[in-house]
Amino acid sequence: MNKLKDLRIKRGLTQEELARKMNIPKSTLVRWEDGYNLPGVKRAYQLAKFFNVSIEELFGEPLDEEIKDDTVRTDDNITTNV
């Protein structure tokens, strides 16, 4: 779940204001907020830092605690060791 819009509104910022602060077009921010696109790592980091949250909190769900550091879950739910 994308929390970007909620955090922006809580800060009292319009889309135009946040886009200007991040030096991006408003249309890009709209796509991020609507979930059509996600920012690259650099922009995600900048947004997380700006809102004082983790990237995971901003754009994702908490990691599945059953997944260990040495395993990878594939799209077909098969878990393999790395």
PDB file of N, CA and C in Angstrom:
ATOM      1  N   MET A   1       0.853  -1.183   0.000  1.00  0.00           N
ATOM      2  CA  MET A   1       0.000   0.000   0.000  1.00  0.00           C
ATOM      3  C   MET A   1       0.896   1.242   0.000  1.00  0.00           C
ATOM      4  N   ASN A   2       0.617   2.128  -0.900  1.00  0.00           N
ATOM      5  CA  ASN A   2       1.375   3.363  -1.067  1.00  0.00           C
ATOM      6  C   ASN A   2       0.851   4.423  -0.092  1.00  0.00           C
ATOM      7  N   LYS A   3       1.700   4.943   0.768  1.00  0.00           N
ATOM      8  CA  LYS A   3       1.290   5.934   1.769  1.00  0.00           C
ATOM      9  C   LYS A   3       1.744   7.342   1.419  1.00  0.00           C
ATOM     10  N   LEU A   4       2.267   7.516   0.234  1.00  0.00           N
ATOM     11  CA  LEU A   4       2.819   8.803  -0.167  1.00  0.00           C
ATOM     12  C   LEU A   4       1.773   9.914  -0.077  1.00  0.00           C
ATOM     13  N   LYS A   5       0.594   9.677  -0.615  1.00  0.00           N
ATOM     14  CA  LYS A   5      -0.454  10.699  -0.608  1.00  0.00           C
ATOM     15  C   LYS A   5      -0.849  11.067   0.820  1.00  0.00           C
ATOM     16  N   ASP A   6      -1.032  10.067   1.679  1.00  0.00           N
ATOM     17  CA  ASP A   6      -1.407  10.332   3.070  1.00  0.00           C
ATOM     18  C   ASP A   6      -0.362  11.185   3.777  1.00  0.00           C
ATOM     19  N   LEU A   7       0.903  10.851   3.577  1.00  0.00           N
ATOM     20  CA  LEU A   7       1.974  11.619   4.230  1.00  0.00           C
ATOM     21  C   LEU A   7       2.037  13.040   3.693  1.00  0.00           C
ATOM     22  N   ARG A   8       1.838  13.198   2.395  1.00  0.00           N
ATOM     23  CA  ARG A   8       1.840  14.541   1.799  1.00  0.00           C
ATOM     24  C   ARG A   8       0.728  15.393   2.395  1.00  0.00           C
ATOM     25  N   ILE A   9      -0.464  14.808   2.491  1.00  0.00           N
ATOM     26  CA  ILE A   9      -1.610  15.544   3.031  1.00  0.00           C
ATOM     27  C   ILE A   9      -1.385  15.886   4.505  1.00  0.00           C
ATOM     28  N   LYS A  10      -0.851  14.946   5.278  1.00  0.00           N
ATOM     29  CA  LYS A  10      -0.560  15.212   6.691  1.00  0.00           C
ATOM     30  C   LYS A  10       0.414  16.365   6.865  1.00  0.00           C
ATOM     31  N   ARG A  11       1.324  16.523   5.910  1.00  0.00           N
ATOM     32  CA  ARG A  11       2.282  17.633   5.949  1.00  0.00           C
ATOM     33  C   ARG A  11       1.663  18.939   5.451  1.00  0.00           C
ATOM     34  N   GLY A  12       0.440  18.875   4.946  1.00  0.00           N
ATOM     35  CA  GLY A  12      -0.228  20.058   4.447  1.00  0.00           C
ATOM     36  C   GLY A  12       0.314  20.548   3.116  1.00  0.00           C
ATOM     37  N   LEU A  13       0.834  19.624   2.325  1.00  0.00           N
ATOM     38  CA  LEU A  13       1.414  19.988   1.036  1.00  0.00           C
ATOM     39  C   LEU A  13       0.481  19.626  -0.108  1.00  0.00           C
ATOM     40  N   THR A  14       0.441  20.447  -1.115  1.00  0.00           N
ATOM     41  CA  THR A  14      -0.255  20.102  -2.350  1.00  0.00           C
ATOM     42  C   THR A  14       0.676  19.238  -3.194  1.00  0.00           C
ATOM     43  N   GLN A  15       0.115  18.633  -4.221  1.00  0.00           N
ATOM     44  CA  GLN A  15       0.953  17.868  -5.136  1.00  0.00           C
ATOM     45  C   GLN A  15       1.981  18.781  -5.795  1.00  0.00           C
ATOM     46  N   GLU A  16       1.568  19.965  -6.153  1.00  0.00           N
ATOM     47  CA  GLU A  16       2.484  20.915  -6.792  1.00  0.00           C
ATOM     48  C   GLU A  16       3.655  21.260  -5.869  1.00  0.00           C
ATOM     49  N   GLU A  17       3.360  21.488  -4.590  1.00  0.00           N
ATOM     50  CA  GLU A  17       4.413  21.856  -3.638  1.00  0.00           C
ATOM     51  C   GLU A  17       5.417  20.721  -3.435  1.00  0.00           C
ATOM     52  N   LEU A  18       4.904  19.500  -3.256  1.00  0.00           N
ATOM     53  CA  LEU A  18       5.822  18.380  -3.053  1.00  0.00           C
ATOM     54  C   LEU A  18       6.628  18.106  -4.313  1.00  0.00           C
ATOM     55  N   ALA A  19       5.986  18.186  -5.465  1.00  0.00           N
ATOM     56  CA  ALA A  19       6.706  17.968  -6.724  1.00  0.00           C
ATOM     57  C   ALA A  19       7.831  18.989  -6.870  1.00  0.00           C
ATOM     58  N   ARG A  20       7.561  20.229  -6.521  1.00  0.00           N
ATOM     59  CA  ARG A  20       8.581  21.278  -6.610  1.00  0.00           C
ATOM     60  C   ARG A  20       9.730  20.994  -5.636  1.00  0.00           C
ATOM     61  N   LYS A  21       9.401  20.562  -4.412  1.00  0.00           N
ATOM     62  CA  LYS A  21      10.442  20.247  -3.423  1.00  0.00           C
ATOM     63  C   LYS A  21      11.315  19.071  -3.869  1.00  0.00           C
ATOM     64  N   MET A  22      10.719  18.120  -4.585  1.00  0.00           N
ATOM     65  CA  MET A  22      11.446  16.943  -5.052  1.00  0.00           C
ATOM     66  C   MET A  22      12.053  17.160  -6.440  1.00  0.00           C
ATOM     67  N   ASN A  23      11.770  18.309  -7.038  1.00  0.00           N
ATOM     68  CA  ASN A  23      12.285  18.653  -8.364  1.00  0.00           C
ATOM     69  C   ASN A  23      11.844  17.634  -9.424  1.00  0.00           C
ATOM     70  N   ILE A  24      10.545  17.346  -9.402  1.00  0.00           N
ATOM     71  CA  ILE A  24       9.952  16.425 -10.365  1.00  0.00           C
ATOM     72  C   ILE A  24       8.679  17.046 -10.934  1.00  0.00           C
ATOM     73  N   PRO A  25       8.211  16.583 -12.092  1.00  0.00           N
ATOM     74  CA  PRO A  25       6.934  17.060 -12.608  1.00  0.00           C
ATOM     75  C   PRO A  25       5.784  16.583 -11.722  1.00  0.00           C
ATOM     76  N   LYS A  26       4.747  17.390 -11.618  1.00  0.00           N
ATOM     77  CA  LYS A  26       3.574  17.002 -10.832  1.00  0.00           C
ATOM     78  C   LYS A  26       2.991  15.691 -11.354  1.00  0.00           C
ATOM     79  N   SER A  27       2.998  15.510 -12.668  1.00  0.00           N
ATOM     80  CA  SER A  27       2.422  14.299 -13.253  1.00  0.00           C
ATOM     81  C   SER A  27       3.144  13.034 -12.758  1.00  0.00           C
ATOM     82  N   THR A  28       4.430  13.142 -12.510  1.00  0.00           N
ATOM     83  CA  THR A  28       5.193  12.005 -11.968  1.00  0.00           C
ATOM     84  C   THR A  28       4.711  11.676 -10.564  1.00  0.00           C
ATOM     85  N   LEU A  29       4.550  12.707  -9.742  1.00  0.00           N
ATOM     86  CA  LEU A  29       4.070  12.503  -8.374  1.00  0.00           C
ATOM     87  C   LEU A  29       2.674  11.884  -8.380  1.00  0.00           C
ATOM     88  N   VAL A  30       1.810  12.346  -9.264  1.00  0.00           N
ATOM     89  CA  VAL A  30       0.455  11.802  -9.369  1.00  0.00           C
ATOM     90  C   VAL A  30       0.512  10.307  -9.670  1.00  0.00           C
ATOM     91  N   ARG A  31       1.356   9.908 -10.605  1.00  0.00           N
ATOM     92  CA  ARG A  31       1.486   8.479 -10.947  1.00  0.00           C
ATOM     93  C   ARG A  31       2.002   7.676  -9.761  1.00  0.00           C
ATOM     94  N   TRP A  32       2.935   8.236  -8.995  1.00  0.00           N
ATOM     95  CA  TRP A  32       3.436   7.541  -7.802  1.00  0.00           C
ATOM     96  C   TRP A  32       2.329   7.391  -6.771  1.00  0.00           C
ATOM     97  N   GLU A  33       1.597   8.476  -6.519  1.00  0.00           N
ATOM     98  CA  GLU A  33       0.530   8.423  -5.523  1.00  0.00           C
ATOM     99  C   GLU A  33      -0.577   7.451  -5.930  1.00  0.00           C
ATOM    100  N   ASP A  34      -0.880   7.387  -7.216  1.00  0.00           N
ATOM    101  CA  ASP A  34      -1.933   6.494  -7.701  1.00  0.00           C
ATOM    102  C   ASP A  34      -1.470   5.050  -7.840  1.00  0.00           C
ATOM    103  N   GLY A  35      -0.176   4.811  -7.691  1.00  0.00           N
ATOM    104  CA  GLY A  35       0.354   3.464  -7.769  1.00  0.00           C
ATOM    105  C   GLY A  35       0.604   2.960  -9.174  1.00  0.00           C
ATOM    106  N   TYR A  36       0.535   3.841 -10.162  1.00  0.00           N
ATOM    107  CA  TYR A  36       0.805   3.436 -11.542  1.00  0.00           C
ATOM    108  C   TYR A  36       2.289   3.228 -11.791  1.00  0.00           C
ATOM    109  N   ASN A  37       3.106   3.964 -11.095  1.00  0.00           N
ATOM    110  CA  ASN A  37       4.565   3.849 -11.189  1.00  0.00           C
ATOM    111  C   ASN A  37       5.133   3.987  -9.784  1.00  0.00           C
ATOM    112  N   LEU A  38       6.368   3.567  -9.628  1.00  0.00           N
ATOM    113  CA  LEU A  38       7.096   3.784  -8.385  1.00  0.00           C
ATOM    114  C   LEU A  38       8.382   4.539  -8.703  1.00  0.00           C
ATOM    115  N   PRO A  39       8.839   5.339  -7.766  1.00  0.00           N
ATOM    116  CA  PRO A  39      10.087   6.056  -8.010  1.00  0.00           C
ATOM    117  C   PRO A  39      11.273   5.101  -7.991  1.00  0.00           C
ATOM    118  N   GLY A  40      12.365   5.544  -8.589  1.00  0.00           N
ATOM    119  CA  GLY A  40      13.610   4.799  -8.498  1.00  0.00           C
ATOM    120  C   GLY A  40      14.145   4.865  -7.080  1.00  0.00           C
ATOM    121  N   VAL A  41      15.203   4.156  -6.853  1.00  0.00           N
ATOM    122  CA  VAL A  41      15.780   4.057  -5.510  1.00  0.00           C
ATOM    123  C   VAL A  41      16.168   5.433  -4.964  1.00  0.00           C
ATOM    124  N   LYS A  42      16.804   6.256  -5.781  1.00  0.00           N
ATOM    125  CA  LYS A  42      17.252   7.571  -5.319  1.00  0.00           C
ATOM    126  C   LYS A  42      16.070   8.433  -4.871  1.00  0.00           C
ATOM    127  N   ARG A  43      15.030   8.485  -5.682  1.00  0.00           N
ATOM    128  CA  ARG A  43      13.858   9.299  -5.329  1.00  0.00           C
ATOM    129  C   ARG A  43      13.114   8.702  -4.136  1.00  0.00           C
ATOM    130  N   ALA A  44      13.014   7.384  -4.084  1.00  0.00           N
ATOM    131  CA  ALA A  44      12.352   6.742  -2.948  1.00  0.00           C
ATOM    132  C   ALA A  44      13.084   7.087  -1.655  1.00  0.00           C
ATOM    133  N   TYR A  45      14.409   7.061  -1.699  1.00  0.00           N
ATOM    134  CA  TYR A  45      15.210   7.436  -0.536  1.00  0.00           C
ATOM    135  C   TYR A  45      14.958   8.891  -0.143  1.00  0.00           C
ATOM    136  N   GLN A  46      14.935   9.784  -1.134  1.00  0.00           N
ATOM    137  CA  GLN A  46      14.701  11.202  -0.852  1.00  0.00           C
ATOM    138  C   GLN A  46      13.328  11.427  -0.229  1.00  0.00           C
ATOM    139  N   LEU A  47      12.322  10.759  -0.753  1.00  0.00           N
ATOM    140  CA  LEU A  47      10.971  10.898  -0.202  1.00  0.00           C
ATOM    141  C   LEU A  47      10.896  10.338   1.219  1.00  0.00           C
ATOM    142  N   ALA A  48      11.489   9.176   1.434  1.00  0.00           N
ATOM    143  CA  ALA A  48      11.479   8.573   2.767  1.00  0.00           C
ATOM    144  C   ALA A  48      12.188   9.479   3.771  1.00  0.00           C
ATOM    145  N   LYS A  49      13.297  10.036   3.358  1.00  0.00           N
ATOM    146  CA  LYS A  49      14.039  10.948   4.234  1.00  0.00           C
ATOM    147  C   LYS A  49      13.206  12.209   4.520  1.00  0.00           C
ATOM    148  N   PHE A  50      12.573  12.753   3.489  1.00  0.00           N
ATOM    149  CA  PHE A  50      11.760  13.952   3.642  1.00  0.00           C
ATOM    150  C   PHE A  50      10.626  13.728   4.646  1.00  0.00           C
ATOM    151  N   PHE A  51       9.977  12.556   4.561  1.00  0.00           N
ATOM    152  CA  PHE A  51       8.854  12.259   5.450  1.00  0.00           C
ATOM    153  C   PHE A  51       9.277  11.550   6.731  1.00  0.00           C
ATOM    154  N   ASN A  52      10.575  11.296   6.890  1.00  0.00           N
ATOM    155  CA  ASN A  52      11.119  10.652   8.078  1.00  0.00           C
ATOM    156  C   ASN A  52      10.494   9.268   8.322  1.00  0.00           C
ATOM    157  N   VAL A  53      10.420   8.487   7.247  1.00  0.00           N
ATOM    158  CA  VAL A  53       9.932   7.111   7.322  1.00  0.00           C
ATOM    159  C   VAL A  53      10.885   6.241   6.499  1.00  0.00           C
ATOM    160  N   SER A  54      10.747   4.937   6.629  1.00  0.00           N
ATOM    161  CA  SER A  54      11.553   4.041   5.792  1.00  0.00           C
ATOM    162  C   SER A  54      10.908   3.925   4.412  1.00  0.00           C
ATOM    163  N   ILE A  55      11.684   3.487   3.448  1.00  0.00           N
ATOM    164  CA  ILE A  55      11.142   3.249   2.111  1.00  0.00           C
ATOM    165  C   ILE A  55      10.055   2.177   2.190  1.00  0.00           C
ATOM    166  N   GLU A  56      10.291   1.182   2.998  1.00  0.00           N
ATOM    167  CA  GLU A  56       9.306   0.117   3.173  1.00  0.00           C
ATOM    168  C   GLU A  56       7.987   0.681   3.713  1.00  0.00           C
ATOM    169  N   GLU A  57       8.065   1.581   4.700  1.00  0.00           N
ATOM    170  CA  GLU A  57       6.850   2.190   5.238  1.00  0.00           C
ATOM    171  C   GLU A  57       6.132   3.032   4.186  1.00  0.00           C
ATOM    172  N   LEU A  58       6.889   3.662   3.338  1.00  0.00           N
ATOM    173  CA  LEU A  58       6.333   4.562   2.332  1.00  0.00           C
ATOM    174  C   LEU A  58       5.652   3.812   1.193  1.00  0.00           C
ATOM    175  N   PHE A  59       6.270   2.741   0.717  1.00  0.00           N
ATOM    176  CA  PHE A  59       5.779   2.084  -0.492  1.00  0.00           C
ATOM    177  C   PHE A  59       5.423   0.623  -0.345  1.00  0.00           C
ATOM    178  N   GLY A  60       5.689   0.000   0.783  1.00  0.00           N
ATOM    179  CA  GLY A  60       5.466  -1.430   0.847  1.00  0.00           C
ATOM    180  C   GLY A  60       4.870  -1.908   2.135  1.00  0.00           C
ATOM    181  N   GLU A  61       4.691  -3.182   2.166  1.00  0.00           N
ATOM    182  CA  GLU A  61       4.212  -3.883   3.335  1.00  0.00           C
ATOM    183  C   GLU A  61       5.422  -4.403   4.104  1.00  0.00           C
ATOM    184  N   PRO A  62       5.261  -4.656   5.381  1.00  0.00           N
ATOM    185  CA  PRO A  62       6.376  -5.252   6.133  1.00  0.00           C
ATOM    186  C   PRO A  62       6.800  -6.575   5.508  1.00  0.00           C
ATOM    187  N   LEU A  63       8.068  -6.883   5.597  1.00  0.00           N
ATOM    188  CA  LEU A  63       8.574  -8.130   5.034  1.00  0.00           C
ATOM    189  C   LEU A  63       7.986  -9.317   5.772  1.00  0.00           C
ATOM    190  N   ASP A  64       7.740 -10.384   5.049  1.00  0.00           N
ATOM    191  CA  ASP A  64       7.246 -11.620   5.622  1.00  0.00           C
ATOM    192  C   ASP A  64       8.329 -12.175   6.542  1.00  0.00           C
ATOM    193  N   GLU A  65       8.023 -12.303   7.823  1.00  0.00           N
ATOM    194  CA  GLU A  65       9.034 -12.746   8.781  1.00  0.00           C
ATOM    195  C   GLU A  65       9.454 -14.188   8.557  1.00  0.00           C
ATOM    196  N   GLU A  66       8.660 -14.961   7.795  1.00  0.00           N
ATOM    197  CA  GLU A  66       9.029 -16.341   7.528  1.00  0.00           C
ATOM    198  C   GLU A  66      10.142 -16.446   6.499  1.00  0.00           C
ATOM    199  N   ILE A  67      10.353 -15.407   5.708  1.00  0.00           N
ATOM    200  CA  ILE A  67      11.391 -15.439   4.690  1.00  0.00           C
ATOM    201  C   ILE A  67      12.729 -15.147   5.364  1.00  0.00           C
ATOM    202  N   LYS A  68      13.647 -16.041   5.242  1.00  0.00           N
ATOM    203  CA  LYS A  68      14.971 -15.884   5.847  1.00  0.00           C
ATOM    204  C   LYS A  68      15.904 -15.180   4.876  1.00  0.00           C
ATOM    205  N   ASP A  69      17.015 -14.655   5.392  1.00  0.00           N
ATOM    206  CA  ASP A  69      17.984 -13.934   4.573  1.00  0.00           C
ATOM    207  C   ASP A  69      18.554 -14.783   3.441  1.00  0.00           C
ATOM    208  N   ASP A  70      18.584 -16.107   3.598  1.00  0.00           N
ATOM    209  CA  ASP A  70      19.214 -16.958   2.602  1.00  0.00           C
ATOM    210  C   ASP A  70      18.212 -17.606   1.640  1.00  0.00           C
ATOM    211  N   THR A  71      16.973 -17.105   1.596  1.00  0.00           N
ATOM    212  CA  THR A  71      15.988 -17.667   0.690  1.00  0.00           C
ATOM    213  C   THR A  71      15.383 -16.581  -0.184  1.00  0.00           C
ATOM    214  N   VAL A  72      14.809 -17.007  -1.283  1.00  0.00           N
ATOM    215  CA  VAL A  72      14.142 -16.096  -2.208  1.00  0.00           C
ATOM    216  C   VAL A  72      12.774 -16.677  -2.520  1.00  0.00           C
ATOM    217  N   ARG A  73      11.746 -15.871  -2.467  1.00  0.00           N
ATOM    218  CA  ARG A  73      10.409 -16.328  -2.831  1.00  0.00           C
ATOM    219  C   ARG A  73      10.135 -15.887  -4.261  1.00  0.00           C
ATOM    220  N   THR A  74       9.802 -16.827  -5.106  1.00  0.00           N
ATOM    221  CA  THR A  74       9.524 -16.524  -6.507  1.00  0.00           C
ATOM    222  C   THR A  74       8.037 -16.253  -6.691  1.00  0.00           C
ATOM    223  N   ASP A  75       7.642 -15.807  -7.896  1.00  0.00           N
ATOM    224  CA  ASP A  75       6.258 -15.489  -8.167  1.00  0.00           C
ATOM    225  C   ASP A  75       5.314 -16.674  -7.997  1.00  0.00           C
ATOM    226  N   ASP A  76       5.813 -17.880  -8.211  1.00  0.00           N
ATOM    227  CA  ASP A  76       4.950 -19.053  -8.078  1.00  0.00           C
ATOM    228  C   ASP A  76       5.043 -19.677  -6.681  1.00  0.00           C
ATOM    229  N   ASN A  77       5.485 -18.877  -5.703  1.00  0.00           N
ATOM    230  CA  ASN A  77       5.528 -19.244  -4.297  1.00  0.00           C
ATOM    231  C   ASN A  77       6.450 -20.408  -3.981  1.00  0.00           C
ATOM    232  N   ILE A  78       7.429 -20.643  -4.796  1.00  0.00           N
ATOM    233  CA  ILE A  78       8.436 -21.650  -4.510  1.00  0.00           C
ATOM    234  C   ILE A  78       9.600 -20.945  -3.817  1.00  0.00           C
ATOM    235  N   THR A  79      10.011 -21.459  -2.680  1.00  0.00           N
ATOM    236  CA  THR A  79      11.107 -20.872  -1.943  1.00  0.00           C
ATOM    237  C   THR A  79      12.360 -21.676  -2.210  1.00  0.00           C
ATOM    238  N   THR A  80      13.425 -20.979  -2.596  1.00  0.00           N
ATOM    239  CA  THR A  80      14.680 -21.656  -2.888  1.00  0.00           C
ATOM    240  C   THR A  80      15.805 -21.015  -2.114  1.00  0.00           C
ATOM    241  N   ASN A  81      16.815 -21.780  -1.803  1.00  0.00           N
ATOM    242  CA  ASN A  81      17.994 -21.237  -1.139  1.00  0.00           C
ATOM    243  C   ASN A  81      18.854 -20.503  -2.144  1.00  0.00           C
ATOM    244  N   VAL A  82      19.470 -19.412  -1.719  1.00  0.00           N
ATOM    245  CA  VAL A  82      20.340 -18.621  -2.593  1.00  0.00           C
ATOM    246  C   VAL A  82      21.758 -19.066  -2.393  1.00  0.00           C
TER     247      VAL A  82
END
